[in-house]
Each structure stands twice: as C-alpha cells, then as structure tokens.
N, C-alpha and C. Protein backbone atom coordinates (compact mmCIF):
# COMPACT_ATOMS: atom_id res chain seq x y z
N UNK A 1 64.40 153.82 110.90
CA UNK A 1 65.35 154.03 111.97
C UNK A 1 66.18 152.77 112.15
N UNK A 2 67.48 152.96 112.36
CA UNK A 2 68.39 151.85 112.64
C UNK A 2 68.77 151.90 114.13
N UNK A 3 68.95 150.73 114.71
CA UNK A 3 69.24 150.63 116.13
C UNK A 3 70.54 149.85 116.31
N UNK A 4 71.44 150.42 117.07
CA UNK A 4 72.70 149.75 117.40
C UNK A 4 72.67 149.48 118.90
N UNK A 5 72.74 148.21 119.25
CA UNK A 5 72.70 147.81 120.65
C UNK A 5 74.06 147.29 121.10
N UNK A 6 74.47 147.70 122.28
CA UNK A 6 75.61 147.08 122.95
C UNK A 6 75.10 145.74 123.48
N UNK A 7 76.01 144.79 123.66
CA UNK A 7 75.61 143.47 124.16
C UNK A 7 75.68 143.40 125.69
N UNK A 8 76.88 143.49 126.23
CA UNK A 8 77.06 143.30 127.68
C UNK A 8 76.37 144.41 128.47
N UNK A 9 75.51 144.00 129.37
CA UNK A 9 74.77 144.87 130.28
C UNK A 9 73.72 145.74 129.60
N UNK A 10 73.43 145.44 128.34
CA UNK A 10 72.28 146.03 127.66
C UNK A 10 71.38 144.87 127.23
N UNK A 11 71.85 144.07 126.28
CA UNK A 11 71.09 142.92 125.82
C UNK A 11 71.27 141.70 126.72
N UNK A 12 72.35 141.70 127.46
CA UNK A 12 72.75 140.53 128.24
C UNK A 12 73.22 141.00 129.61
N UNK A 13 72.70 140.40 130.65
CA UNK A 13 73.04 140.79 132.02
C UNK A 13 74.38 140.17 132.42
N UNK A 14 75.46 140.71 131.90
CA UNK A 14 76.80 140.17 132.13
C UNK A 14 77.28 140.40 133.56
N UNK A 15 77.24 141.64 133.99
CA UNK A 15 77.83 141.99 135.28
C UNK A 15 77.05 141.38 136.44
N UNK A 16 75.75 141.45 136.38
CA UNK A 16 74.95 140.99 137.51
C UNK A 16 74.69 139.49 137.49
N UNK A 17 74.41 138.93 136.34
CA UNK A 17 73.96 137.54 136.29
C UNK A 17 75.05 136.57 135.83
N UNK A 18 75.68 136.81 134.68
CA UNK A 18 76.68 135.86 134.18
C UNK A 18 77.88 135.80 135.12
N UNK A 19 78.37 136.95 135.54
CA UNK A 19 79.54 136.96 136.41
C UNK A 19 79.25 136.23 137.72
N UNK A 20 78.10 136.46 138.29
CA UNK A 20 77.72 135.77 139.54
C UNK A 20 77.64 134.26 139.31
N UNK A 21 77.04 133.86 138.21
CA UNK A 21 76.94 132.44 137.86
C UNK A 21 78.34 131.84 137.67
N UNK A 22 79.22 132.58 137.01
CA UNK A 22 80.60 132.13 136.80
C UNK A 22 81.30 131.89 138.14
N UNK A 23 81.17 132.85 139.05
CA UNK A 23 81.81 132.70 140.36
C UNK A 23 81.26 131.50 141.12
N UNK A 24 79.97 131.27 141.03
CA UNK A 24 79.37 130.12 141.71
C UNK A 24 79.92 128.81 141.13
N UNK A 25 80.02 128.73 139.81
CA UNK A 25 80.55 127.52 139.16
C UNK A 25 82.02 127.31 139.54
N UNK A 26 82.78 128.40 139.60
CA UNK A 26 84.18 128.28 139.98
C UNK A 26 84.33 127.82 141.43
N UNK A 27 83.47 128.33 142.30
CA UNK A 27 83.50 127.89 143.70
C UNK A 27 83.19 126.40 143.81
N UNK A 28 82.20 125.93 143.04
CA UNK A 28 81.87 124.49 143.03
C UNK A 28 83.06 123.66 142.56
N UNK A 29 83.87 124.25 141.67
CA UNK A 29 85.04 123.56 141.14
C UNK A 29 86.25 123.68 142.07
N UNK A 30 86.07 124.38 143.20
CA UNK A 30 87.13 124.45 144.20
C UNK A 30 87.96 125.73 144.19
N UNK A 31 87.56 126.72 143.42
CA UNK A 31 88.29 127.99 143.36
C UNK A 31 87.59 129.00 144.27
N UNK A 32 88.25 129.46 145.32
CA UNK A 32 87.62 130.46 146.20
C UNK A 32 87.24 131.72 145.42
N UNK A 33 86.11 132.25 145.76
CA UNK A 33 85.61 133.44 145.06
C UNK A 33 86.62 134.59 145.09
N UNK A 34 87.28 134.78 146.23
CA UNK A 34 88.24 135.88 146.32
C UNK A 34 89.37 135.73 145.30
N UNK A 35 89.84 134.50 145.07
CA UNK A 35 90.89 134.28 144.08
C UNK A 35 90.37 134.53 142.66
N UNK A 36 89.17 134.04 142.40
CA UNK A 36 88.57 134.23 141.07
C UNK A 36 88.34 135.72 140.80
N UNK A 37 87.82 136.45 141.78
CA UNK A 37 87.59 137.89 141.61
C UNK A 37 88.89 138.64 141.40
N UNK A 38 89.92 138.27 142.15
CA UNK A 38 91.22 138.92 142.00
C UNK A 38 91.76 138.72 140.59
N UNK A 39 91.71 137.49 140.10
CA UNK A 39 92.20 137.21 138.75
C UNK A 39 91.38 137.98 137.71
N UNK A 40 90.06 137.97 137.86
CA UNK A 40 89.18 138.66 136.92
C UNK A 40 89.51 140.15 136.85
N UNK A 41 89.71 140.77 137.99
CA UNK A 41 90.04 142.21 138.02
C UNK A 41 91.36 142.49 137.34
N UNK A 42 92.32 141.59 137.48
CA UNK A 42 93.64 141.77 136.84
C UNK A 42 93.56 141.68 135.33
N UNK A 43 92.80 140.71 134.82
CA UNK A 43 92.77 140.49 133.36
C UNK A 43 91.66 141.25 132.67
N UNK A 44 90.72 141.78 133.40
CA UNK A 44 89.57 142.47 132.80
C UNK A 44 90.00 143.66 131.95
N UNK A 45 91.07 144.33 132.34
CA UNK A 45 91.52 145.49 131.56
C UNK A 45 92.09 145.06 130.21
N UNK A 46 92.51 143.80 130.12
CA UNK A 46 92.95 143.23 128.85
C UNK A 46 91.76 142.48 128.25
N UNK A 47 92.00 141.65 127.29
CA UNK A 47 90.92 140.86 126.72
C UNK A 47 90.59 139.70 127.63
N UNK A 48 89.48 139.79 128.36
CA UNK A 48 89.07 138.69 129.22
C UNK A 48 88.46 137.60 128.36
N UNK A 49 88.81 136.38 128.69
CA UNK A 49 88.20 135.23 128.05
C UNK A 49 88.10 134.14 129.08
N UNK A 50 86.94 133.58 129.23
CA UNK A 50 86.69 132.58 130.26
C UNK A 50 87.63 131.38 130.13
N UNK A 51 87.95 130.97 128.91
CA UNK A 51 88.85 129.82 128.74
C UNK A 51 90.21 130.09 129.36
N UNK A 52 90.69 131.31 129.29
CA UNK A 52 91.97 131.65 129.90
C UNK A 52 91.87 131.61 131.42
N UNK A 53 90.75 132.04 131.97
CA UNK A 53 90.55 131.98 133.40
C UNK A 53 90.56 130.51 133.86
N UNK A 54 89.87 129.66 133.13
CA UNK A 54 89.82 128.24 133.48
C UNK A 54 91.22 127.62 133.40
N UNK A 55 91.96 127.99 132.38
CA UNK A 55 93.33 127.49 132.22
C UNK A 55 94.21 127.98 133.37
N UNK A 56 94.06 129.24 133.73
CA UNK A 56 94.84 129.82 134.84
C UNK A 56 94.67 129.00 136.12
N UNK A 57 93.46 128.56 136.37
CA UNK A 57 93.18 127.78 137.58
C UNK A 57 93.25 126.27 137.34
N UNK A 58 93.77 125.88 136.17
CA UNK A 58 93.92 124.46 135.80
C UNK A 58 92.60 123.70 135.89
N UNK A 59 91.54 124.34 135.40
CA UNK A 59 90.22 123.70 135.39
C UNK A 59 89.93 123.16 134.00
N UNK A 60 89.11 122.15 133.94
CA UNK A 60 88.77 121.53 132.66
C UNK A 60 87.91 122.47 131.83
N UNK A 61 88.11 122.38 130.51
CA UNK A 61 87.40 123.27 129.60
C UNK A 61 85.90 122.99 129.56
N UNK A 62 85.45 121.80 130.00
CA UNK A 62 84.00 121.53 130.00
C UNK A 62 83.25 122.47 130.95
N UNK A 63 83.96 123.09 131.87
CA UNK A 63 83.35 124.08 132.76
C UNK A 63 82.93 125.32 131.96
N UNK A 64 83.63 125.58 130.87
CA UNK A 64 83.28 126.69 129.97
C UNK A 64 81.83 126.53 129.49
N UNK A 65 81.52 125.34 128.99
CA UNK A 65 80.16 125.08 128.51
C UNK A 65 79.16 125.10 129.65
N UNK A 66 79.55 124.58 130.80
CA UNK A 66 78.65 124.57 131.96
C UNK A 66 78.27 126.01 132.34
N UNK A 67 79.24 126.90 132.31
CA UNK A 67 78.98 128.30 132.66
C UNK A 67 78.12 128.97 131.59
N UNK A 68 78.46 128.76 130.33
CA UNK A 68 77.74 129.44 129.26
C UNK A 68 76.36 128.86 128.95
N UNK A 69 76.11 127.64 129.36
CA UNK A 69 74.82 127.03 129.01
C UNK A 69 73.63 127.78 129.63
N UNK A 70 73.87 128.56 130.64
CA UNK A 70 72.81 129.33 131.28
C UNK A 70 72.57 130.68 130.61
N UNK A 71 73.31 130.99 129.57
CA UNK A 71 73.26 132.31 128.95
C UNK A 71 71.87 132.75 128.52
N UNK A 72 71.05 131.83 128.03
CA UNK A 72 69.69 132.20 127.62
C UNK A 72 68.91 132.83 128.77
N UNK A 73 69.25 132.42 129.99
CA UNK A 73 68.55 132.95 131.16
C UNK A 73 69.03 134.34 131.56
N UNK A 74 70.09 134.81 130.94
CA UNK A 74 70.67 136.10 131.31
C UNK A 74 70.37 137.21 130.29
N UNK A 75 69.55 136.90 129.29
CA UNK A 75 69.22 137.92 128.30
C UNK A 75 68.23 138.93 128.90
N UNK A 76 68.24 140.11 128.35
CA UNK A 76 67.30 141.16 128.74
C UNK A 76 66.01 140.90 127.96
N UNK A 77 65.17 140.07 128.53
CA UNK A 77 63.96 139.60 127.83
C UNK A 77 63.02 140.74 127.47
N UNK A 78 62.91 141.70 128.36
CA UNK A 78 62.04 142.86 128.12
C UNK A 78 62.50 143.63 126.88
N UNK A 79 63.80 143.85 126.77
CA UNK A 79 64.36 144.55 125.61
C UNK A 79 64.26 143.69 124.36
N UNK A 80 64.47 142.41 124.49
CA UNK A 80 64.41 141.51 123.34
C UNK A 80 63.01 141.52 122.71
N UNK A 81 61.97 141.63 123.50
CA UNK A 81 60.61 141.70 122.96
C UNK A 81 60.44 142.94 122.08
N UNK A 82 61.03 144.05 122.48
CA UNK A 82 60.98 145.28 121.68
C UNK A 82 61.76 145.08 120.39
N UNK A 83 62.92 144.48 120.47
CA UNK A 83 63.78 144.27 119.30
C UNK A 83 63.07 143.41 118.26
N UNK A 84 62.36 142.40 118.70
CA UNK A 84 61.62 141.54 117.76
C UNK A 84 60.63 142.37 116.94
N UNK A 85 60.04 143.37 117.54
CA UNK A 85 59.08 144.23 116.85
C UNK A 85 59.76 145.22 115.91
N UNK A 86 61.00 145.60 116.21
CA UNK A 86 61.72 146.57 115.39
C UNK A 86 62.17 145.98 114.07
N UNK A 87 62.35 144.69 114.02
CA UNK A 87 62.74 144.02 112.78
C UNK A 87 64.24 143.81 112.66
N UNK A 88 64.62 142.63 112.25
CA UNK A 88 66.02 142.24 112.11
C UNK A 88 66.81 143.23 111.25
N UNK A 89 66.21 143.68 110.16
CA UNK A 89 66.92 144.58 109.23
C UNK A 89 67.28 145.92 109.86
N UNK A 90 66.66 146.25 110.97
CA UNK A 90 66.92 147.54 111.63
C UNK A 90 67.82 147.43 112.86
N UNK A 91 68.13 146.22 113.27
CA UNK A 91 68.84 146.03 114.54
C UNK A 91 70.23 145.45 114.34
N UNK A 92 71.19 146.03 115.05
CA UNK A 92 72.60 145.65 114.95
C UNK A 92 73.18 145.57 116.36
N UNK A 93 74.22 144.75 116.50
CA UNK A 93 74.96 144.69 117.76
C UNK A 93 76.39 145.15 117.49
N UNK A 94 76.87 146.05 118.32
CA UNK A 94 78.30 146.39 118.35
C UNK A 94 78.74 146.17 119.79
N UNK A 95 79.62 145.21 119.96
CA UNK A 95 80.05 144.84 121.30
C UNK A 95 81.57 144.90 121.40
N UNK A 96 82.04 145.18 122.58
CA UNK A 96 83.48 145.33 122.81
C UNK A 96 84.00 144.14 123.59
N UNK A 97 85.14 143.61 123.14
CA UNK A 97 85.77 142.50 123.86
C UNK A 97 86.48 141.58 122.90
N UNK A 98 86.94 140.47 123.43
CA UNK A 98 87.57 139.45 122.60
C UNK A 98 86.52 138.82 121.70
N UNK A 99 86.84 138.70 120.42
CA UNK A 99 85.83 138.27 119.45
C UNK A 99 85.25 136.89 119.76
N UNK A 100 86.09 135.92 120.02
CA UNK A 100 85.57 134.56 120.25
C UNK A 100 84.70 134.52 121.50
N UNK A 101 85.13 135.18 122.55
CA UNK A 101 84.38 135.21 123.80
C UNK A 101 83.02 135.89 123.60
N UNK A 102 83.02 137.05 122.95
CA UNK A 102 81.77 137.78 122.73
C UNK A 102 80.82 136.96 121.86
N UNK A 103 81.34 136.39 120.78
CA UNK A 103 80.48 135.61 119.88
C UNK A 103 79.97 134.34 120.55
N UNK A 104 80.79 133.73 121.40
CA UNK A 104 80.32 132.55 122.14
C UNK A 104 79.14 132.92 123.04
N UNK A 105 79.25 134.04 123.74
CA UNK A 105 78.15 134.46 124.62
C UNK A 105 76.89 134.75 123.80
N UNK A 106 77.05 135.49 122.71
CA UNK A 106 75.90 135.85 121.88
C UNK A 106 75.24 134.59 121.31
N UNK A 107 76.06 133.68 120.82
CA UNK A 107 75.51 132.44 120.25
C UNK A 107 74.70 131.68 121.29
N UNK A 108 75.20 131.58 122.51
CA UNK A 108 74.52 130.81 123.56
C UNK A 108 73.19 131.45 123.97
N UNK A 109 73.05 132.75 123.77
CA UNK A 109 71.79 133.40 124.15
C UNK A 109 70.67 133.08 123.17
N UNK A 110 71.03 132.79 121.93
CA UNK A 110 70.02 132.54 120.91
C UNK A 110 69.42 133.79 120.31
N UNK A 111 70.05 134.95 120.50
CA UNK A 111 69.47 136.20 119.99
C UNK A 111 69.95 136.55 118.59
N UNK A 112 70.89 135.81 118.05
CA UNK A 112 71.45 136.12 116.72
C UNK A 112 70.40 136.38 115.64
N UNK A 113 69.34 135.58 115.57
CA UNK A 113 68.37 135.77 114.47
C UNK A 113 67.65 137.12 114.46
N UNK A 114 67.75 137.87 115.55
CA UNK A 114 67.03 139.14 115.63
C UNK A 114 67.88 140.34 115.19
N UNK A 115 69.10 140.07 114.73
CA UNK A 115 70.03 141.14 114.35
C UNK A 115 70.60 140.89 112.96
N UNK A 116 70.64 141.95 112.17
CA UNK A 116 71.17 141.82 110.81
C UNK A 116 72.69 141.82 110.80
N UNK A 117 73.29 142.32 111.88
CA UNK A 117 74.74 142.44 111.91
C UNK A 117 75.22 142.38 113.36
N UNK A 118 76.30 141.64 113.58
CA UNK A 118 76.92 141.56 114.89
C UNK A 118 78.40 141.85 114.69
N UNK A 119 78.87 142.93 115.30
CA UNK A 119 80.25 143.38 115.12
C UNK A 119 80.92 143.40 116.50
N UNK A 120 82.11 142.80 116.55
CA UNK A 120 82.90 142.80 117.78
C UNK A 120 84.12 143.68 117.55
N UNK A 121 84.34 144.63 118.44
CA UNK A 121 85.52 145.49 118.38
C UNK A 121 86.28 145.34 119.68
N UNK A 122 87.57 145.62 119.65
CA UNK A 122 88.31 145.59 120.91
C UNK A 122 88.43 146.99 121.49
N UNK A 123 88.67 147.96 120.68
CA UNK A 123 88.85 149.31 121.19
C UNK A 123 87.56 150.10 121.17
N UNK A 124 87.65 151.31 120.73
CA UNK A 124 86.51 152.22 120.67
C UNK A 124 85.47 151.75 119.66
N UNK A 125 84.23 152.06 119.96
CA UNK A 125 83.13 151.74 119.05
C UNK A 125 82.89 152.87 118.05
N UNK A 126 83.61 153.98 118.21
CA UNK A 126 83.41 155.19 117.42
C UNK A 126 83.40 154.93 115.91
N UNK A 127 84.44 154.34 115.40
CA UNK A 127 84.56 154.14 113.95
C UNK A 127 83.41 153.29 113.40
N UNK A 128 83.08 152.24 114.11
CA UNK A 128 82.01 151.34 113.65
C UNK A 128 80.65 152.03 113.70
N UNK A 129 80.37 152.75 114.76
CA UNK A 129 79.10 153.47 114.87
C UNK A 129 79.00 154.54 113.78
N UNK A 130 80.07 155.28 113.58
CA UNK A 130 80.03 156.36 112.58
C UNK A 130 79.92 155.81 111.16
N UNK A 131 80.53 154.66 110.88
CA UNK A 131 80.37 154.02 109.57
C UNK A 131 78.91 153.65 109.33
N UNK A 132 78.26 153.18 110.36
CA UNK A 132 76.85 152.83 110.23
C UNK A 132 76.01 154.08 109.99
N UNK A 133 76.35 155.17 110.65
CA UNK A 133 75.64 156.44 110.43
C UNK A 133 75.82 156.91 108.99
N UNK A 134 77.03 156.79 108.47
CA UNK A 134 77.30 157.19 107.09
C UNK A 134 76.54 156.30 106.11
N UNK A 135 76.51 155.02 106.39
CA UNK A 135 75.81 154.06 105.52
C UNK A 135 74.31 154.33 105.48
N UNK A 136 73.76 154.77 106.61
CA UNK A 136 72.33 155.03 106.72
C UNK A 136 72.07 156.52 106.93
N UNK A 137 72.74 157.35 106.13
CA UNK A 137 72.70 158.81 106.33
C UNK A 137 71.31 159.41 106.20
N UNK A 138 70.40 158.72 105.53
CA UNK A 138 69.05 159.25 105.37
C UNK A 138 68.08 158.74 106.43
N UNK A 139 68.62 158.05 107.42
CA UNK A 139 67.80 157.53 108.51
C UNK A 139 68.40 157.94 109.85
N UNK A 140 67.57 157.98 110.85
CA UNK A 140 68.09 158.20 112.20
C UNK A 140 68.72 156.90 112.69
N UNK A 141 69.85 157.03 113.35
CA UNK A 141 70.55 155.88 113.93
C UNK A 141 70.59 156.08 115.44
N UNK A 142 70.08 155.10 116.17
CA UNK A 142 70.02 155.19 117.62
C UNK A 142 71.01 154.18 118.21
N UNK A 143 71.97 154.68 118.95
CA UNK A 143 73.02 153.86 119.57
C UNK A 143 72.71 153.74 121.05
N UNK A 144 72.50 152.50 121.52
CA UNK A 144 72.12 152.23 122.90
C UNK A 144 73.28 151.50 123.58
N UNK A 145 73.84 152.11 124.63
CA UNK A 145 75.00 151.54 125.32
C UNK A 145 74.90 151.88 126.81
N UNK A 146 75.53 151.07 127.63
CA UNK A 146 75.47 151.30 129.08
C UNK A 146 76.65 152.11 129.60
N UNK A 147 77.59 152.46 128.73
CA UNK A 147 78.76 153.22 129.18
C UNK A 147 78.81 154.56 128.45
N UNK A 148 78.72 155.63 129.22
CA UNK A 148 78.70 156.97 128.65
C UNK A 148 79.99 157.27 127.87
N UNK A 149 81.10 156.67 128.27
CA UNK A 149 82.36 156.93 127.56
C UNK A 149 82.30 156.46 126.10
N UNK A 150 81.38 155.57 125.76
CA UNK A 150 81.25 155.13 124.37
C UNK A 150 80.56 156.19 123.50
N UNK A 151 80.04 157.23 124.12
CA UNK A 151 79.40 158.32 123.38
C UNK A 151 80.32 159.54 123.25
N UNK A 152 81.30 159.66 124.13
CA UNK A 152 82.07 160.89 124.27
C UNK A 152 82.84 161.32 123.03
N UNK A 153 83.36 160.38 122.26
CA UNK A 153 84.17 160.78 121.10
C UNK A 153 83.41 160.71 119.77
N UNK A 154 82.10 160.48 119.82
CA UNK A 154 81.31 160.42 118.59
C UNK A 154 81.15 161.80 117.98
N UNK A 155 81.14 161.87 116.66
CA UNK A 155 81.04 163.14 115.95
C UNK A 155 79.58 163.41 115.58
N UNK A 156 78.87 164.08 116.46
CA UNK A 156 77.45 164.37 116.25
C UNK A 156 77.23 165.48 115.22
N UNK A 157 78.26 166.26 114.94
CA UNK A 157 78.14 167.30 113.92
C UNK A 157 78.20 166.66 112.54
N UNK A 158 79.19 165.82 112.34
CA UNK A 158 79.33 165.13 111.05
C UNK A 158 78.20 164.12 110.82
N UNK A 159 77.66 163.57 111.90
CA UNK A 159 76.59 162.57 111.80
C UNK A 159 75.38 163.05 112.60
N UNK A 160 74.64 164.02 112.04
CA UNK A 160 73.48 164.55 112.76
C UNK A 160 72.33 163.53 112.88
N UNK A 161 72.43 162.43 112.15
CA UNK A 161 71.40 161.39 112.24
C UNK A 161 71.63 160.46 113.43
N UNK A 162 72.71 160.67 114.18
CA UNK A 162 73.05 159.83 115.31
C UNK A 162 72.43 160.35 116.61
N UNK A 163 71.74 159.47 117.30
CA UNK A 163 71.19 159.75 118.62
C UNK A 163 71.68 158.64 119.56
N UNK A 164 71.75 158.93 120.84
CA UNK A 164 72.23 157.94 121.80
C UNK A 164 71.27 157.81 122.98
N UNK A 165 71.31 156.64 123.58
CA UNK A 165 70.59 156.40 124.83
C UNK A 165 71.55 155.69 125.76
N UNK A 166 71.74 156.28 126.92
CA UNK A 166 72.53 155.63 127.96
C UNK A 166 71.62 154.61 128.64
N UNK A 167 71.98 153.35 128.52
CA UNK A 167 71.15 152.28 129.07
C UNK A 167 71.53 152.06 130.53
N UNK A 168 71.01 152.94 131.37
CA UNK A 168 71.23 152.87 132.81
C UNK A 168 69.96 152.33 133.45
N UNK A 169 69.71 152.67 134.71
CA UNK A 169 68.52 152.17 135.40
C UNK A 169 67.22 152.56 134.69
N UNK A 170 67.22 153.70 134.02
CA UNK A 170 66.03 154.15 133.29
C UNK A 170 66.16 153.93 131.78
N UNK A 171 67.16 153.16 131.36
CA UNK A 171 67.43 152.97 129.94
C UNK A 171 66.27 152.42 129.15
N UNK A 172 65.61 151.41 129.70
CA UNK A 172 64.48 150.81 129.00
C UNK A 172 63.37 151.83 128.79
N UNK A 173 63.06 152.59 129.84
CA UNK A 173 62.00 153.60 129.75
C UNK A 173 62.38 154.70 128.75
N UNK A 174 63.65 155.08 128.74
CA UNK A 174 64.10 156.10 127.78
C UNK A 174 63.91 155.60 126.35
N UNK A 175 64.28 154.35 126.12
CA UNK A 175 64.14 153.77 124.79
C UNK A 175 62.67 153.71 124.38
N UNK A 176 61.83 153.21 125.24
CA UNK A 176 60.39 153.08 124.95
C UNK A 176 59.77 154.43 124.61
N UNK A 177 60.23 155.47 125.32
CA UNK A 177 59.63 156.79 125.13
C UNK A 177 59.91 157.38 123.76
N UNK A 178 60.95 156.94 123.08
CA UNK A 178 61.24 157.52 121.76
C UNK A 178 60.93 156.59 120.59
N UNK A 179 60.51 155.37 120.89
CA UNK A 179 60.19 154.43 119.81
C UNK A 179 58.89 154.83 119.13
N UNK A 180 58.81 154.56 117.83
CA UNK A 180 57.54 154.82 117.14
C UNK A 180 56.43 153.95 117.73
N UNK A 181 55.28 154.53 117.92
CA UNK A 181 54.15 153.78 118.48
C UNK A 181 53.54 152.90 117.40
N UNK A 182 53.32 151.63 117.75
CA UNK A 182 52.72 150.72 116.77
C UNK A 182 51.33 150.31 117.17
C-alpha cells in the first residue's frame, strides 16, 4: 500500500500552532495582530510566503528563521509514529502552496527522511495523485488530506486503487482503523 499525505494540517499543525506562533512573533516585533491577520487573509488566496509578509511590514528576515525554528514542535507526532512504521518507500507528501515556503516548513520539521517523495503543487492535487495511482496500479493508494475539496475531482473509476481519508477530528482514528495490523 502507498500513502499520500497532505502536509499542512495533517502532518503539520499549520492553522492552529504555526499561525498562532507567527502572530505572537509578529506582535513581539511590533505588528498588531489585527494588521497581521488582515494582511494574511488578503494574501492567503494567492501564494502566501512568510518572507513577503515580513517584507510588507518592513521586518528583518531573521524573524523568518525565528518563526520557523519552532516547526519541529508543530508536527503531528502521533501520525509521524505511524508513518515511521509504514516505511519511507510507501510514504509520500503532496502539499499545496508556494514551493519554497512549503519546502522550508517541511525541512524545519525534520520529517523529510520518512518520505520517499515530496511534491509541491500550487493548484489541484488531482493530476499528481492520479499519476501516483497509475504508477502503483497494482497497489492500493491511500490519499490523506484535511480538505474534502481535494477529493472531489479525483477519478475513482479510472483509478479504483485510490482510497481517501478526510483528516478531520476523527482522521487519525479513521487511518488507524484501516491500517494493516502489525
């Protein structure tokens, strides 16, 4: 079985932990939270990148490293323990966003060694997921993501080996329930 994991809010607590940490660091640097949140909401629909946010507020780039240095503390440790058992050759990351920003976050977490492939896309994950299904047509491919819209346009008829798990509040339990028992 092959496993495709989303990064933000599946492997990494972006919304709850990193974003909160970012706002705290920005406040310490003199940027009111309301201004930072307003800017984030405006640029989030485009390619968000922390360096651009820092530049927008005329903050020094060393704040970038200060914010990202805590990334190891924001990983989904419970899920990472499962991934270690699944084996690097079976685990892949497909994440959406700006490539440099996504790779910087992934690198800072230290989880790279547990994945055979890390792919960053800006638009839909459909093409990348389906290519992986075609490549591993004789195996089941499990795609784990926290956004249901990333499943909506997938071709389950053409790729019957594709299964999905919505990584919501019960996502971890759903994943555990279908994993092979070791």
